Amino acid sequence: MSPETLAPYLLPEAALERLMGAPVGGLAARLVWQEGSSAFQVRDSFDQRLRNSGRLLVEADEQFELLRPAGAPLVQRGAAGARFVSDLPEGPVKGALSDLSSLRCLLPVGAGTLRRGTLSLLDDEGKTQARAQLIELAATGGGKVLVLQLQGLRGYDKALQRLRVMVEDAGGTALGEAGLYAKLFPGLSDYTPKPVVSLDRETGAFDAASDIIAAYLQVARANEAGVIADDDTEFLHDYRIALRKVRSVLSLFRDVYDAELTAELKARFSDLMSPTGRLRDLDVYLLERDGFYAMVPASLHGGLDRMFALFAQERTGEHQSLAAHLRSTAYRKEIKALIKLFDKRKKLAKGGKADLSAYDFACKLIWKRYRRICTIAEGIDEGTPDHEVHELRIHCKKLRYLMEFFAPLFPAKPFKQIIKPLKKLQDNLGLFNDYSVQQESLQAFLGRLEGATPGNLQIAQSVGALVLVLHDRQLAERARVVGSFAAFNSAETRQTFRDLFHGGKP
């Protein structure tokens, strides 16, 4: 039997004793632990892609070992200082981690000591007929797990099957179904950048809005430490998205809160977002560096070298400034006050629509936004001004947010069917916007250069060429908007919107 077909088991603490005492049909069970133990560290991306897929990445003895729900563990040599999957040397572990975001670093989740052993079934001549490898992980915080991996031996399938039955009778459970992380690191928090807030048709609009804001405030807070440490650029991205969604709730849930309170909250959340914008812009430029180089001939790369050196220098200053802001007493006091406001809710003055049901409120908001998108998109042609295309993008984003917020109130299958073409239209409009914003930003950057030095002239030549390419790409994306909208606004999608949000009426 191929090792790839032998799924590993997670054993309860008392399983070994039961295994050693189990009847083995004339065979003898022998357990041997290797001498000594090793320090280990478990790593995962902050968005817990490994945890959520039932995999465990263990770093020990200068190698990486990936435990996975199906198949034998994968092992390869480590690399000192490796932070991202791309930093790992080529090997089976790196290949198996290719589904992780290249933007997320592999952070330490926990540490402890590891020891290995072998459980064998021997015949009366002392010959091994079945074998299993054991990995015991004892975390520093007190959690412990024992993973068992069966190993088939040619010609002894019956003995292997016997050992499998023994393991399952002793309480062994499939690795991917057994709460591996919860057992090893009991205090480890869950993280998702898109929390699903529990809503039902009895939930009021006020509670729905407040629950959504409270959930996204926790997402923002969860990312603060990573922004300060500058672990990877996705911490700031998730932090900004969380606050942007809070601001969207305040704008979209009109009259759920008192108008004066809504204006005050919008200003307070805008102040929280303000220090993050330039750093995020610089992150995007630096992440897309290779793409910019590919847009212009090699003879203009010297100017880009200088430009990106200036961006990197500016980024260092922007990050230091933002980190100081997030550590400041004023920021801490403000974010805690906002969290308390939406947790306690006694000081949240209600507006005229606070007591509407979340379901009725969602149907009205989503239907109204959808119709608005159709009106704008149906009028777009080659002569439509750019600002109307931008307006369409903003309405699509608001529709997407509304659908994400209220998703628990609607059947999942038709909801997903209309989200998919909406996302494609958004991708198209997002690129259109990115190309437009980048042109403006690069021209503003040129305006800030001081003096007609040879270096600055070199930058100006390169940026000028970039702007021309970006303009061409913006026009190309603009031309695709009509087709993307047609795909989004199919007869099937129109009917699904009517059925879900307008009672099936035209």
Protein backbone atom coordinates (compact mmCIF):
# COMPACT_ATOMS: atom_id res chain seq x y z
CA MET A 1 0.00 0.00 0.00
CA SER A 2 1.39 3.39 -0.97
CA PRO A 3 2.35 5.71 1.93
CA GLU A 4 0.27 8.37 0.15
CA THR A 5 -2.86 6.35 0.94
CA LEU A 6 -2.07 5.91 4.64
CA ALA A 7 -3.71 8.76 6.52
CA PRO A 8 -2.13 9.66 9.88
CA TYR A 9 -3.97 9.34 13.18
CA LEU A 10 -4.11 11.51 16.24
CA LEU A 11 -3.98 9.34 19.35
CA PRO A 12 -5.44 10.14 22.77
CA GLU A 13 -2.96 10.21 25.63
CA ALA A 14 -3.88 6.74 26.96
CA ALA A 15 -3.91 5.08 23.53
CA LEU A 16 -0.38 3.70 23.69
CA GLU A 17 -1.12 1.76 26.84
CA ARG A 18 -4.25 0.31 25.22
CA LEU A 19 -2.31 -0.53 22.05
CA MET A 20 0.38 -2.37 23.95
CA GLY A 21 -2.24 -4.41 25.81
CA ALA A 22 -4.41 -5.22 22.79
CA PRO A 23 -4.62 -8.77 21.35
CA VAL A 24 -2.57 -8.97 18.14
CA GLY A 25 -3.37 -12.45 16.89
CA GLY A 26 -0.07 -14.17 17.60
CA LEU A 27 2.06 -11.11 16.94
CA ALA A 28 3.91 -9.11 19.57
CA ALA A 29 3.69 -5.32 19.86
CA ARG A 30 6.94 -3.48 20.52
CA LEU A 31 7.30 0.24 21.21
CA VAL A 32 10.72 1.91 20.93
CA TRP A 33 11.35 5.60 21.55
CA GLN A 34 14.45 7.25 20.12
CA GLU A 35 16.85 8.60 22.70
CA GLY A 36 16.55 12.27 23.54
CA SER A 37 14.19 14.93 22.22
CA SER A 38 14.38 17.98 19.98
CA ALA A 39 13.12 21.52 20.27
CA PHE A 40 10.37 22.24 17.76
CA GLN A 41 8.48 25.24 16.50
CA VAL A 42 5.15 25.20 14.66
CA ARG A 43 4.63 27.87 12.01
CA ASP A 44 1.57 29.10 10.15
CA SER A 45 0.45 32.18 8.27
CA PHE A 46 -1.53 34.70 10.34
CA ASP A 47 -4.70 33.84 8.41
CA GLN A 48 -4.25 30.25 9.63
CA ARG A 49 -4.36 28.58 6.24
CA LEU A 50 -2.46 25.55 7.58
CA ARG A 51 -4.60 25.24 10.69
CA ASN A 52 -7.81 25.52 8.69
CA SER A 53 -6.66 22.82 6.27
CA GLY A 54 -5.67 20.40 9.05
CA ARG A 55 -1.94 20.67 8.33
CA LEU A 56 0.85 21.21 10.85
CA LEU A 57 4.21 22.67 9.79
CA VAL A 58 6.87 21.61 12.29
CA GLU A 59 10.39 23.05 12.25
CA ALA A 60 12.93 20.95 14.15
CA ASP A 61 16.49 19.71 13.73
CA GLU A 62 17.10 22.16 10.83
CA GLN A 63 14.32 20.68 8.75
CA PHE A 64 10.66 21.28 8.01
CA GLU A 65 8.12 18.51 8.41
CA LEU A 66 4.55 18.93 7.16
CA LEU A 67 1.95 16.72 8.83
CA ARG A 68 -1.18 16.52 6.67
CA PRO A 69 -4.57 14.82 6.83
CA ALA A 70 -3.86 12.57 3.85
CA GLY A 71 -0.57 10.81 3.20
CA ALA A 72 2.73 10.49 4.97
CA PRO A 73 4.46 13.57 6.41
CA LEU A 74 6.59 15.54 3.98
CA VAL A 75 10.11 16.44 5.04
CA GLN A 76 12.78 18.73 3.64
CA ARG A 77 15.75 20.69 4.87
CA GLY A 78 15.14 24.08 6.44
CA ALA A 79 16.65 27.46 5.68
CA ALA A 80 18.01 29.85 8.29
CA GLY A 81 15.97 33.03 8.38
CA ALA A 82 13.25 31.75 6.05
CA ARG A 83 10.07 33.80 6.61
CA PHE A 84 8.00 33.24 3.50
CA VAL A 85 7.30 30.04 1.55
CA SER A 86 9.36 31.53 -1.27
CA ASP A 87 12.38 31.63 1.09
CA LEU A 88 12.36 27.83 1.50
CA PRO A 89 14.67 25.70 -0.62
CA GLU A 90 12.99 23.64 -3.32
CA GLY A 91 11.49 20.48 -1.88
CA PRO A 92 8.27 18.58 -1.14
CA VAL A 93 7.23 20.81 1.77
CA LYS A 94 7.65 23.99 -0.26
CA GLY A 95 5.65 22.40 -3.07
CA ALA A 96 2.84 21.40 -0.70
CA LEU A 97 2.67 24.97 0.67
CA SER A 98 2.15 26.53 -2.75
CA ASP A 99 -1.50 27.21 -1.94
CA LEU A 100 -0.51 29.69 0.79
CA SER A 101 -0.46 33.38 -0.03
CA SER A 102 2.97 34.50 -1.17
CA LEU A 103 2.35 37.72 0.79
CA ARG A 104 1.92 36.00 4.14
CA CYS A 105 4.96 35.10 6.23
CA LEU A 106 5.14 31.92 8.28
CA LEU A 107 4.89 33.06 11.88
CA PRO A 108 5.71 30.99 14.98
CA VAL A 109 2.51 29.59 16.46
CA GLY A 110 4.07 27.76 19.39
CA ALA A 111 7.05 25.70 20.47
CA GLY A 112 8.02 22.77 22.66
CA THR A 113 9.85 19.45 22.54
CA LEU A 114 9.49 16.58 20.11
CA ARG A 115 10.37 12.92 20.33
CA ARG A 116 9.96 10.10 17.88
CA GLY A 117 9.21 6.43 18.29
CA THR A 118 8.29 3.29 16.40
CA LEU A 119 5.47 0.86 17.12
CA SER A 120 5.97 -2.54 15.49
CA LEU A 121 4.10 -5.81 15.28
CA LEU A 122 6.59 -8.73 15.32
CA ASP A 123 6.09 -12.38 14.52
CA ASP A 124 7.49 -15.22 16.65
CA GLU A 125 10.81 -14.96 14.76
CA GLY A 126 11.13 -11.28 15.67
CA LYS A 127 10.41 -10.18 12.11
CA THR A 128 8.46 -6.90 11.62
CA GLN A 129 5.13 -7.42 9.88
CA ALA A 130 3.59 -3.96 10.46
CA ARG A 131 5.00 -0.68 11.67
CA ALA A 132 3.91 2.82 12.62
CA GLN A 133 5.99 5.94 13.22
CA LEU A 134 5.11 8.06 16.25
CA ILE A 135 5.68 11.77 16.73
CA GLU A 136 4.98 13.18 20.18
CA LEU A 137 4.78 16.98 20.41
CA ALA A 138 4.75 18.53 23.89
CA ALA A 139 4.10 22.27 23.74
CA THR A 140 5.68 24.68 26.20
CA GLY A 141 2.20 25.78 27.25
CA GLY A 142 1.19 22.29 28.36
CA GLY A 143 -0.62 20.89 25.31
CA LYS A 144 0.49 17.55 23.93
CA VAL A 145 -0.37 15.47 20.87
CA LEU A 146 0.69 12.08 19.61
CA VAL A 147 0.57 11.49 15.85
CA LEU A 148 0.81 8.00 14.43
CA GLN A 149 1.65 7.23 10.82
CA LEU A 150 1.13 3.67 9.57
CA GLN A 151 3.79 2.25 7.29
CA GLY A 152 2.96 -0.63 4.96
CA LEU A 153 5.43 -3.46 4.46
CA ARG A 154 5.31 -5.47 1.25
CA GLY A 155 3.57 -8.82 1.67
CA TYR A 156 2.08 -8.03 5.07
CA ASP A 157 -1.20 -6.30 4.29
CA LYS A 158 -3.10 -8.36 6.86
CA ALA A 159 -0.75 -7.28 9.65
CA LEU A 160 -1.08 -3.66 8.55
CA GLN A 161 -4.87 -3.96 8.60
CA ARG A 162 -4.66 -5.50 12.07
CA LEU A 163 -2.56 -2.59 13.30
CA ARG A 164 -4.99 -0.13 11.75
CA VAL A 165 -7.91 -1.72 13.61
CA MET A 166 -5.91 -1.65 16.84
CA VAL A 167 -5.18 2.07 16.39
CA GLU A 168 -8.83 2.91 15.74
CA ASP A 169 -10.03 0.74 18.63
CA ALA A 170 -7.57 2.59 20.88
CA GLY A 171 -9.24 5.92 19.99
CA GLY A 172 -7.11 7.05 17.05
CA THR A 173 -8.91 9.66 14.91
CA ALA A 174 -8.12 11.11 11.51
CA LEU A 175 -5.63 13.95 11.83
CA GLY A 176 -7.75 16.47 9.90
CA GLU A 177 -10.82 15.88 12.04
CA ALA A 178 -9.30 15.87 15.47
CA GLY A 179 -8.73 19.47 16.59
CA LEU A 180 -4.97 19.12 16.33
CA TYR A 181 -4.19 22.77 17.09
CA ALA A 182 -6.72 23.00 19.92
CA LYS A 183 -5.06 20.05 21.67
CA LEU A 184 -1.49 21.24 21.10
CA PHE A 185 -2.06 24.96 21.70
CA PRO A 186 -5.28 25.23 23.74
CA GLY A 187 -5.14 29.02 24.05
CA LEU A 188 -4.58 29.74 20.37
CA SER A 189 -7.15 32.21 19.06
CA ASP A 190 -9.04 31.78 15.81
CA TYR A 191 -8.57 34.46 13.19
CA THR A 192 -10.51 35.28 10.08
CA PRO A 193 -10.39 38.58 8.22
CA LYS A 194 -14.05 38.07 7.26
CA PRO A 195 -15.98 37.18 10.42
CA VAL A 196 -19.47 35.81 9.81
CA VAL A 197 -21.85 37.55 12.19
CA SER A 198 -24.76 35.39 13.24
CA LEU A 199 -28.01 36.96 11.99
CA ASP A 200 -31.56 35.68 11.64
CA ARG A 201 -34.82 37.14 10.43
CA GLU A 202 -35.69 38.26 13.96
CA THR A 203 -32.49 40.30 14.33
CA GLY A 204 -33.07 44.04 14.31
CA ALA A 205 -31.13 46.40 12.03
CA PHE A 206 -29.54 48.12 15.05
CA ASP A 207 -28.18 44.87 16.48
CA ALA A 208 -27.04 43.69 13.04
CA ALA A 209 -25.08 46.88 12.41
CA SER A 210 -23.59 46.93 15.90
CA ASP A 211 -22.64 43.23 15.79
CA ILE A 212 -20.92 43.66 12.41
CA ILE A 213 -18.99 46.73 13.57
CA ALA A 214 -17.99 45.00 16.82
CA ALA A 215 -16.71 41.98 14.86
CA TYR A 216 -14.62 44.05 12.45
CA LEU A 217 -13.17 46.16 15.27
CA GLN A 218 -11.76 42.91 16.67
CA VAL A 219 -10.24 42.13 13.25
CA ALA A 220 -8.56 45.54 13.23
CA ARG A 221 -7.18 45.01 16.72
CA ALA A 222 -5.90 41.53 15.86
CA ASN A 223 -3.73 43.03 13.13
CA GLU A 224 -2.17 45.86 15.14
CA ALA A 225 0.78 43.83 16.46
CA GLY A 226 1.64 42.55 12.98
CA VAL A 227 1.53 46.07 11.55
CA ILE A 228 3.83 47.33 14.29
CA ALA A 229 6.24 44.40 13.89
CA ASP A 230 6.01 44.77 10.08
CA ASP A 231 5.78 40.98 9.77
CA ASP A 232 4.17 41.21 6.33
CA THR A 233 2.13 43.72 4.34
CA GLU A 234 -1.15 41.82 4.76
CA PHE A 235 -1.51 42.93 8.36
CA LEU A 236 -1.95 46.54 7.27
CA HIS A 237 -4.17 45.43 4.37
CA ASP A 238 -6.51 43.50 6.70
CA TYR A 239 -6.43 46.32 9.28
CA ARG A 240 -7.52 48.85 6.67
CA ILE A 241 -10.20 46.59 5.16
CA ALA A 242 -11.69 45.98 8.63
CA LEU A 243 -11.95 49.72 9.34
CA ARG A 244 -13.24 50.38 5.82
CA LYS A 245 -16.06 47.89 6.40
CA VAL A 246 -16.93 49.60 9.67
CA ARG A 247 -17.19 52.89 7.82
CA SER A 248 -19.31 51.21 5.14
CA VAL A 249 -21.77 49.98 7.76
CA LEU A 250 -22.10 53.52 9.10
CA SER A 251 -22.78 54.81 5.57
CA LEU A 252 -24.98 52.00 4.26
CA PHE A 253 -27.11 51.45 7.37
CA ARG A 254 -28.57 54.93 7.09
CA ASP A 255 -30.88 56.02 9.95
CA VAL A 256 -30.07 52.97 12.03
CA TYR A 257 -28.04 55.27 14.28
CA ASP A 258 -28.89 58.85 15.15
CA ALA A 259 -27.65 61.20 12.38
CA GLU A 260 -25.44 63.25 14.71
CA LEU A 261 -23.87 60.12 16.18
CA THR A 262 -23.33 58.66 12.69
CA ALA A 263 -21.46 61.80 11.59
CA GLU A 264 -19.32 61.71 14.74
CA LEU A 265 -18.48 58.02 14.27
CA LYS A 266 -17.60 58.50 10.61
CA ALA A 267 -15.14 61.23 11.60
CA ARG A 268 -13.58 59.09 14.35
CA PHE A 269 -13.08 56.07 12.06
CA SER A 270 -11.77 58.33 9.30
CA ASP A 271 -9.16 59.60 11.76
CA LEU A 272 -8.13 56.00 12.50
CA MET A 273 -7.68 55.26 8.78
CA SER A 274 -5.86 58.46 7.91
CA PRO A 275 -2.33 57.51 9.07
CA THR A 276 -2.38 54.24 7.10
CA GLY A 277 -2.98 55.41 3.52
CA ARG A 278 0.48 56.37 2.31
CA LEU A 279 2.13 53.27 3.77
CA ARG A 280 -0.40 51.05 1.99
CA ASP A 281 0.20 52.91 -1.30
CA LEU A 282 3.94 52.35 -0.95
CA ASP A 283 3.41 48.67 -0.10
CA VAL A 284 1.40 48.22 -3.28
CA TYR A 285 4.07 49.89 -5.39
CA LEU A 286 6.86 47.82 -3.86
CA LEU A 287 4.89 44.56 -4.16
CA GLU A 288 4.26 45.28 -7.83
CA ARG A 289 7.84 46.31 -8.54
CA ASP A 290 8.48 43.49 -11.03
CA GLY A 291 5.34 44.40 -12.95
CA PHE A 292 6.46 48.01 -13.31
CA TYR A 293 9.86 46.94 -14.61
CA ALA A 294 8.13 44.74 -17.18
CA MET A 295 6.15 47.73 -18.50
CA VAL A 296 9.12 49.73 -19.75
CA PRO A 297 12.27 48.90 -21.77
CA ALA A 298 15.43 47.94 -19.92
CA SER A 299 17.00 51.27 -20.92
CA LEU A 300 14.57 52.98 -18.50
CA HIS A 301 15.15 50.65 -15.56
CA GLY A 302 17.77 52.95 -14.06
CA GLY A 303 15.07 55.55 -13.34
CA LEU A 304 12.88 52.88 -11.74
CA ASP A 305 15.82 51.78 -9.57
CA ARG A 306 16.05 55.32 -8.20
CA MET A 307 12.26 55.63 -7.82
CA PHE A 308 11.88 52.38 -5.89
CA ALA A 309 14.89 53.27 -3.70
CA LEU A 310 13.07 56.48 -2.77
CA PHE A 311 9.83 54.54 -2.18
CA ALA A 312 11.64 52.08 0.09
CA GLN A 313 13.23 54.93 2.02
CA GLU A 314 9.87 56.68 2.38
CA ARG A 315 8.23 53.42 3.45
CA THR A 316 10.66 53.06 6.34
CA GLY A 317 9.66 56.48 7.65
CA GLU A 318 5.94 55.87 7.09
CA HIS A 319 6.07 52.56 8.92
CA GLN A 320 7.92 54.04 11.88
CA SER A 321 5.34 56.80 12.06
CA LEU A 322 2.38 54.38 11.89
CA ALA A 323 3.93 52.02 14.44
CA ALA A 324 4.40 54.95 16.83
CA HIS A 325 0.78 55.97 16.23
CA LEU A 326 -0.54 52.48 16.99
CA ARG A 327 1.55 52.33 20.17
CA SER A 328 0.43 55.79 21.32
CA THR A 329 -1.77 56.29 24.37
CA ALA A 330 -4.20 58.36 22.33
CA TYR A 331 -4.76 55.59 19.77
CA ARG A 332 -5.11 52.89 22.42
CA LYS A 333 -7.61 54.99 24.33
CA GLU A 334 -9.66 55.70 21.18
CA ILE A 335 -9.83 52.14 19.86
CA LYS A 336 -10.75 50.78 23.28
CA ALA A 337 -13.45 53.43 23.64
CA LEU A 338 -14.94 52.47 20.26
CA ILE A 339 -14.89 48.77 21.11
CA LYS A 340 -16.62 49.48 24.42
CA LEU A 341 -19.19 51.67 22.65
CA PHE A 342 -20.25 48.84 20.32
CA ASP A 343 -20.01 46.14 22.98
CA LYS A 344 -22.12 47.93 25.61
CA ARG A 345 -24.33 49.94 23.17
CA LYS A 346 -25.93 52.03 25.94
CA LYS A 347 -24.53 55.23 24.42
CA LEU A 348 -25.44 54.35 20.82
CA ALA A 349 -28.37 56.62 19.99
CA LYS A 350 -30.80 54.85 17.66
CA GLY A 351 -32.12 56.28 14.41
CA GLY A 352 -35.56 55.90 12.84
CA LYS A 353 -34.76 52.54 11.16
CA ALA A 354 -33.07 50.91 14.13
CA ASP A 355 -35.97 48.59 14.88
CA LEU A 356 -36.53 47.33 11.32
CA SER A 357 -35.83 43.65 10.85
CA ALA A 358 -32.35 43.01 9.44
CA TYR A 359 -33.89 40.82 6.72
CA ASP A 360 -36.28 43.49 5.43
CA PHE A 361 -33.55 46.09 5.75
CA ALA A 362 -31.09 43.90 3.81
CA CYS A 363 -33.57 43.23 0.99
CA LYS A 364 -34.27 46.94 0.53
CA LEU A 365 -30.62 47.98 0.65
CA ILE A 366 -29.34 45.26 -1.68
CA TRP A 367 -32.17 45.63 -4.21
CA LYS A 368 -31.75 49.42 -4.28
CA ARG A 369 -27.96 49.14 -4.76
CA TYR A 370 -28.35 46.49 -7.46
CA ARG A 371 -30.82 48.62 -9.41
CA ARG A 372 -28.50 51.62 -9.10
CA ILE A 373 -25.63 49.57 -10.56
CA CYS A 374 -27.78 48.43 -13.46
CA THR A 375 -28.84 52.00 -14.24
CA ILE A 376 -25.24 53.25 -14.32
CA ALA A 377 -23.77 50.24 -16.13
CA GLU A 378 -26.44 50.17 -18.84
CA GLY A 379 -25.51 53.75 -19.76
CA ILE A 380 -21.77 53.17 -20.07
CA ASP A 381 -20.26 53.37 -23.54
CA GLU A 382 -17.05 54.67 -25.10
CA GLY A 383 -17.96 58.27 -24.34
CA THR A 384 -18.84 57.84 -20.67
CA PRO A 385 -16.65 60.02 -18.42
CA ASP A 386 -14.19 58.20 -16.16
CA HIS A 387 -15.85 59.50 -13.01
CA GLU A 388 -19.03 57.54 -13.89
CA VAL A 389 -17.00 54.36 -14.24
CA HIS A 390 -15.48 55.12 -10.82
CA GLU A 391 -18.98 55.62 -9.45
CA LEU A 392 -19.99 52.19 -10.77
CA ARG A 393 -16.97 50.65 -8.99
CA ILE A 394 -17.95 52.24 -5.70
CA HIS A 395 -21.55 51.02 -5.96
CA CYS A 396 -20.33 47.50 -6.77
CA LYS A 397 -18.07 47.55 -3.72
CA LYS A 398 -20.96 48.67 -1.51
CA LEU A 399 -23.20 45.95 -2.94
CA ARG A 400 -20.51 43.35 -2.25
CA TYR A 401 -20.12 44.55 1.35
CA LEU A 402 -23.89 44.45 1.89
CA MET A 403 -24.06 40.92 0.53
CA GLU A 404 -21.19 39.80 2.74
CA PHE A 405 -22.70 41.41 5.85
CA PHE A 406 -26.15 39.90 5.32
CA ALA A 407 -25.12 36.53 3.82
CA PRO A 408 -26.36 34.50 6.85
CA LEU A 409 -29.92 35.68 6.13
CA PHE A 410 -30.11 34.16 2.65
CA PRO A 411 -29.72 30.69 1.10
CA ALA A 412 -26.06 30.05 0.37
CA LYS A 413 -26.24 28.51 -3.10
CA PRO A 414 -28.03 31.28 -5.07
CA PHE A 415 -26.09 33.85 -3.05
CA LYS A 416 -22.78 32.40 -4.24
CA GLN A 417 -24.06 32.25 -7.82
CA ILE A 418 -24.54 36.02 -7.95
CA ILE A 419 -21.41 36.86 -5.96
CA LYS A 420 -19.17 35.21 -8.56
CA PRO A 421 -20.03 37.45 -11.57
CA LEU A 422 -20.13 40.47 -9.26
CA LYS A 423 -16.58 39.71 -8.18
CA LYS A 424 -15.47 39.44 -11.81
CA LEU A 425 -17.02 42.83 -12.59
CA GLN A 426 -15.31 44.25 -9.50
CA ASP A 427 -11.94 42.86 -10.61
CA ASN A 428 -12.35 44.63 -13.93
CA LEU A 429 -13.38 47.91 -12.31
CA GLY A 430 -10.64 47.54 -9.68
CA LEU A 431 -7.93 47.34 -12.34
CA PHE A 432 -9.44 50.34 -14.10
CA ASN A 433 -9.26 52.27 -10.84
CA ASP A 434 -5.75 51.05 -9.96
CA TYR A 435 -4.36 52.20 -13.31
CA SER A 436 -6.03 55.57 -12.89
CA VAL A 437 -4.84 56.08 -9.31
CA GLN A 438 -1.30 54.97 -10.14
CA GLN A 439 -1.04 57.54 -12.94
CA GLU A 440 -2.14 60.31 -10.59
CA SER A 441 0.11 59.11 -7.80
CA LEU A 442 3.19 58.82 -10.04
CA GLN A 443 2.60 62.29 -11.44
CA ALA A 444 2.26 63.65 -7.90
CA PHE A 445 5.51 61.86 -7.00
CA LEU A 446 7.26 63.61 -9.89
CA GLY A 447 5.92 66.91 -8.63
CA ARG A 448 7.58 66.34 -5.26
CA LEU A 449 11.06 65.75 -6.71
CA GLU A 450 13.27 68.71 -6.00
CA GLY A 451 15.63 70.07 -8.65
CA ALA A 452 16.45 69.08 -12.23
CA THR A 453 19.30 66.79 -11.23
CA PRO A 454 20.45 64.04 -13.63
CA GLY A 455 18.98 61.47 -11.27
CA ASN A 456 15.60 63.17 -11.16
CA LEU A 457 15.52 63.55 -14.93
CA GLN A 458 16.22 59.84 -15.24
CA ILE A 459 13.29 59.13 -12.91
CA ALA A 460 11.06 61.50 -14.88
CA GLN A 461 11.80 59.66 -18.13
CA SER A 462 10.96 56.29 -16.61
CA VAL A 463 7.82 57.53 -14.83
CA GLY A 464 6.65 59.23 -18.03
CA ALA A 465 6.90 55.93 -19.88
CA LEU A 466 5.09 54.15 -17.05
CA VAL A 467 2.22 56.63 -17.12
CA LEU A 468 1.75 56.06 -20.84
CA VAL A 469 1.56 52.29 -20.35
CA LEU A 470 -0.80 52.68 -17.39
CA HIS A 471 -3.04 54.95 -19.43
CA ASP A 472 -3.25 52.37 -22.24
CA ARG A 473 -4.10 49.66 -19.72
CA GLN A 474 -6.74 51.83 -18.12
CA LEU A 475 -8.40 52.30 -21.52
CA ALA A 476 -8.29 48.55 -22.14
CA GLU A 477 -9.94 47.80 -18.79
CA ARG A 478 -12.53 50.45 -19.48
CA ALA A 479 -13.41 48.73 -22.75
CA ARG A 480 -13.96 45.48 -20.84
CA VAL A 481 -16.49 47.00 -18.42
CA VAL A 482 -19.44 46.60 -20.80
CA GLY A 483 -18.66 42.90 -21.33
CA SER A 484 -18.13 42.27 -17.59
CA PHE A 485 -21.42 43.94 -16.76
CA ALA A 486 -23.24 41.90 -19.42
CA ALA A 487 -21.84 38.73 -17.79
CA PHE A 488 -22.92 39.97 -14.36
CA ASN A 489 -26.38 41.04 -15.52
CA SER A 490 -27.47 37.79 -17.17
CA ALA A 491 -31.15 36.85 -17.18
CA GLU A 492 -30.42 34.21 -14.54
CA THR A 493 -28.66 36.71 -12.27
CA ARG A 494 -31.47 39.24 -12.67
CA GLN A 495 -34.03 36.63 -11.67
CA THR A 496 -31.95 35.54 -8.68
CA PHE A 497 -31.73 39.14 -7.44
CA ARG A 498 -35.50 39.48 -7.83
CA ASP A 499 -36.18 36.21 -6.01
CA LEU A 500 -33.81 36.87 -3.15
CA PHE A 501 -34.34 40.56 -2.52
CA HIS A 502 -37.55 41.71 -4.22
CA GLY A 503 -40.04 38.96 -3.56
CA GLY A 504 -39.70 37.67 -7.14
CA LYS A 505 -41.26 40.87 -8.50
CA PRO A 506 -39.81 42.60 -11.59
